[in-house]
Amino acid sequence: MLDTNSLRPTQYPHIALTPQNVPIIEGTTMKVIEVVLAQRSYGWTAEEIQINHRYLSMGQIYAALAYYWDNRQALDQDIEHREDSIQKQERATGESAFATRLRSQGLLQ
């Protein structure tokens, strides 16, 4: 029988925190949030993430996803904050001349 008192917790081997406490995949500039957003936005599996980001190993991808699920509340708040910032910037800058031209030609809704 396994003595659970002798178990030691592990850390995420592929995840590091920047000085600003942003979790990234160690040895890259890829943020954990970017992996999560790829999965959410495109519906990608871990294997599809790896196909589209060949410099990441499957271990790195699964570590990023595990980190997200274990820290979901904080990372979801970060994602929401980023989305709010983008929406504010879009409202402040308005529509581009290019988008206006496409809309006038009926090429953009």
C-alpha atoms as a PDB file:
ATOM      1  CA  MET A   1       0.000   0.000   0.000  1.00  0.00           C
ATOM      2  CA  LEU A   2       1.221   3.492  -0.847  1.00  0.00           C
ATOM      3  CA  ASP A   3       2.005   5.739   2.104  1.00  0.00           C
ATOM      4  CA  THR A   4       0.522   9.077   1.019  1.00  0.00           C
ATOM      5  CA  ASN A   5       2.429  10.850   3.808  1.00  0.00           C
ATOM      6  CA  SER A   6       5.678  10.134   1.968  1.00  0.00           C
ATOM      7  CA  LEU A   7       4.541  11.845  -1.245  1.00  0.00           C
ATOM      8  CA  ARG A   8       6.124  15.156  -2.173  1.00  0.00           C
ATOM      9  CA  PRO A   9       4.312  17.735  -4.277  1.00  0.00           C
ATOM     10  CA  THR A  10       5.806  18.598  -7.624  1.00  0.00           C
ATOM     11  CA  GLN A  11       6.066  21.909  -9.360  1.00  0.00           C
ATOM     12  CA  TYR A  12       5.227  22.566 -13.012  1.00  0.00           C
ATOM     13  CA  PRO A  13       8.490  21.605 -14.747  1.00  0.00           C
ATOM     14  CA  HIS A  14       7.959  23.712 -17.871  1.00  0.00           C
ATOM     15  CA  ILE A  15       6.351  26.817 -16.395  1.00  0.00           C
ATOM     16  CA  ALA A  16       8.217  29.886 -15.146  1.00  0.00           C
ATOM     17  CA  LEU A  17       6.988  33.214 -13.821  1.00  0.00           C
ATOM     18  CA  THR A  18       8.254  36.517 -15.181  1.00  0.00           C
ATOM     19  CA  PRO A  19       9.168  39.284 -12.707  1.00  0.00           C
ATOM     20  CA  GLN A  20       5.589  40.533 -13.268  1.00  0.00           C
ATOM     21  CA  ASN A  21       4.260  37.059 -12.245  1.00  0.00           C
ATOM     22  CA  VAL A  22       3.095  36.198 -15.759  1.00  0.00           C
ATOM     23  CA  PRO A  23       3.332  32.435 -16.299  1.00  0.00           C
ATOM     24  CA  ILE A  24       5.257  31.523 -19.446  1.00  0.00           C
ATOM     25  CA  ILE A  25       6.537  28.321 -20.953  1.00  0.00           C
ATOM     26  CA  GLU A  26      10.151  28.097 -19.810  1.00  0.00           C
ATOM     27  CA  GLY A  27      12.714  28.668 -22.553  1.00  0.00           C
ATOM     28  CA  THR A  28      10.197  30.521 -24.740  1.00  0.00           C
ATOM     29  CA  THR A  29       8.285  33.783 -24.755  1.00  0.00           C
ATOM     30  CA  MET A  30       4.947  31.923 -25.018  1.00  0.00           C
ATOM     31  CA  LYS A  31       2.573  32.862 -22.224  1.00  0.00           C
ATOM     32  CA  VAL A  32       0.373  30.188 -20.661  1.00  0.00           C
ATOM     33  CA  ILE A  33      -2.595  32.401 -21.550  1.00  0.00           C
ATOM     34  CA  GLU A  34      -1.649  32.247 -25.239  1.00  0.00           C
ATOM     35  CA  VAL A  35      -1.830  28.446 -25.188  1.00  0.00           C
ATOM     36  CA  VAL A  36      -5.204  28.580 -23.424  1.00  0.00           C
ATOM     37  CA  LEU A  37      -6.572  31.166 -25.852  1.00  0.00           C
ATOM     38  CA  ALA A  38      -5.436  29.069 -28.832  1.00  0.00           C
ATOM     39  CA  GLN A  39      -7.358  26.164 -27.384  1.00  0.00           C
ATOM     40  CA  ARG A  40     -10.445  28.275 -26.697  1.00  0.00           C
ATOM     41  CA  SER A  41     -10.441  30.360 -29.874  1.00  0.00           C
ATOM     42  CA  TYR A  42      -9.668  27.649 -32.381  1.00  0.00           C
ATOM     43  CA  GLY A  43     -10.856  24.600 -30.468  1.00  0.00           C
ATOM     44  CA  TRP A  44      -7.404  23.087 -30.843  1.00  0.00           C
ATOM     45  CA  THR A  45      -6.389  19.940 -29.040  1.00  0.00           C
ATOM     46  CA  ALA A  46      -2.975  19.812 -27.393  1.00  0.00           C
ATOM     47  CA  GLU A  47      -1.708  18.002 -30.489  1.00  0.00           C
ATOM     48  CA  GLU A  48      -3.045  20.752 -32.777  1.00  0.00           C
ATOM     49  CA  ILE A  49      -1.396  23.390 -30.600  1.00  0.00           C
ATOM     50  CA  GLN A  50       1.883  21.513 -31.052  1.00  0.00           C
ATOM     51  CA  ILE A  51       1.394  21.325 -34.840  1.00  0.00           C
ATOM     52  CA  ASN A  52       0.933  25.098 -34.928  1.00  0.00           C
ATOM     53  CA  HIS A  53       3.723  25.809 -32.432  1.00  0.00           C
ATOM     54  CA  ARG A  54       6.330  23.194 -33.308  1.00  0.00           C
ATOM     55  CA  TYR A  55       8.893  24.675 -30.936  1.00  0.00           C
ATOM     56  CA  LEU A  56       6.720  23.548 -28.001  1.00  0.00           C
ATOM     57  CA  SER A  57       6.901  19.995 -26.737  1.00  0.00           C
ATOM     58  CA  MET A  58       3.801  18.104 -25.720  1.00  0.00           C
ATOM     59  CA  GLY A  59       5.081  18.195 -22.134  1.00  0.00           C
ATOM     60  CA  GLN A  60       5.275  22.001 -22.270  1.00  0.00           C
ATOM     61  CA  ILE A  61       1.763  22.261 -23.702  1.00  0.00           C
ATOM     62  CA  TYR A  62       0.236  19.911 -21.146  1.00  0.00           C
ATOM     63  CA  ALA A  63       2.095  21.701 -18.336  1.00  0.00           C
ATOM     64  CA  ALA A  64       0.655  25.027 -19.534  1.00  0.00           C
ATOM     65  CA  LEU A  65      -2.858  23.584 -19.658  1.00  0.00           C
ATOM     66  CA  ALA A  66      -2.448  21.994 -16.218  1.00  0.00           C
ATOM     67  CA  TYR A  67      -1.155  25.292 -14.816  1.00  0.00           C
ATOM     68  CA  TYR A  68      -4.200  27.044 -16.266  1.00  0.00           C
ATOM     69  CA  TRP A  69      -6.678  24.590 -14.750  1.00  0.00           C
ATOM     70  CA  ASP A  70      -4.967  24.775 -11.372  1.00  0.00           C
ATOM     71  CA  ASN A  71      -4.944  28.599 -11.490  1.00  0.00           C
ATOM     72  CA  ARG A  72      -8.079  29.130 -13.557  1.00  0.00           C
ATOM     73  CA  GLN A  73      -9.679  31.944 -11.582  1.00  0.00           C
ATOM     74  CA  ALA A  74      -6.624  34.207 -11.686  1.00  0.00           C
ATOM     75  CA  LEU A  75      -5.887  33.481 -15.338  1.00  0.00           C
ATOM     76  CA  ASP A  76      -9.530  33.967 -16.376  1.00  0.00           C
ATOM     77  CA  GLN A  77      -9.435  37.373 -14.656  1.00  0.00           C
ATOM     78  CA  ASP A  78      -6.280  38.206 -16.626  1.00  0.00           C
ATOM     79  CA  ILE A  79      -7.953  37.140 -19.879  1.00  0.00           C
ATOM     80  CA  GLU A  80     -11.017  39.254 -19.062  1.00  0.00           C
ATOM     81  CA  HIS A  81      -8.803  42.245 -18.242  1.00  0.00           C
ATOM     82  CA  ARG A  82      -6.972  41.860 -21.578  1.00  0.00           C
ATOM     83  CA  GLU A  83     -10.262  41.634 -23.496  1.00  0.00           C
ATOM     84  CA  ASP A  84     -11.574  44.753 -21.736  1.00  0.00           C
ATOM     85  CA  SER A  85      -8.386  46.633 -22.643  1.00  0.00           C
ATOM     86  CA  ILE A  86      -8.724  45.629 -26.288  1.00  0.00           C
ATOM     87  CA  GLN A  87     -12.348  46.760 -26.407  1.00  0.00           C
ATOM     88  CA  LYS A  88     -11.426  50.127 -24.846  1.00  0.00           C
ATOM     89  CA  GLN A  89      -8.651  50.613 -27.385  1.00  0.00           C
ATOM     90  CA  GLU A  90     -10.996  49.729 -30.250  1.00  0.00           C
ATOM     91  CA  ARG A  91     -13.582  52.250 -29.028  1.00  0.00           C
ATOM     92  CA  ALA A  92     -10.924  54.928 -28.562  1.00  0.00           C
ATOM     93  CA  THR A  93      -9.378  54.497 -32.014  1.00  0.00           C
ATOM     94  CA  GLY A  94     -12.582  53.978 -33.973  1.00  0.00           C
ATOM     95  CA  GLU A  95     -12.825  52.256 -37.310  1.00  0.00           C
ATOM     96  CA  SER A  96      -9.858  52.347 -39.653  1.00  0.00           C
ATOM     97  CA  ALA A  97     -10.089  54.004 -43.054  1.00  0.00           C
ATOM     98  CA  PHE A  98      -9.524  50.606 -44.638  1.00  0.00           C
ATOM     99  CA  ALA A  99     -12.455  49.035 -42.750  1.00  0.00           C
ATOM    100  CA  THR A 100     -14.650  52.028 -43.641  1.00  0.00           C
ATOM    101  CA  ARG A 101     -13.774  51.604 -47.318  1.00  0.00           C
ATOM    102  CA  LEU A 102     -14.527  47.863 -47.226  1.00  0.00           C
ATOM    103  CA  ARG A 103     -17.825  48.528 -45.467  1.00  0.00           C
ATOM    104  CA  SER A 104     -18.830  51.122 -48.092  1.00  0.00           C
ATOM    105  CA  GLN A 105     -18.124  48.535 -50.801  1.00  0.00           C
ATOM    106  CA  GLY A 106     -20.298  45.980 -49.030  1.00  0.00           C
ATOM    107  CA  LEU A 107     -17.293  43.736 -48.355  1.00  0.00           C
ATOM    108  CA  LEU A 108     -17.509  44.042 -44.581  1.00  0.00           C
ATOM    109  CA  GLN A 109     -20.529  43.902 -42.331  1.00  0.00           C
END
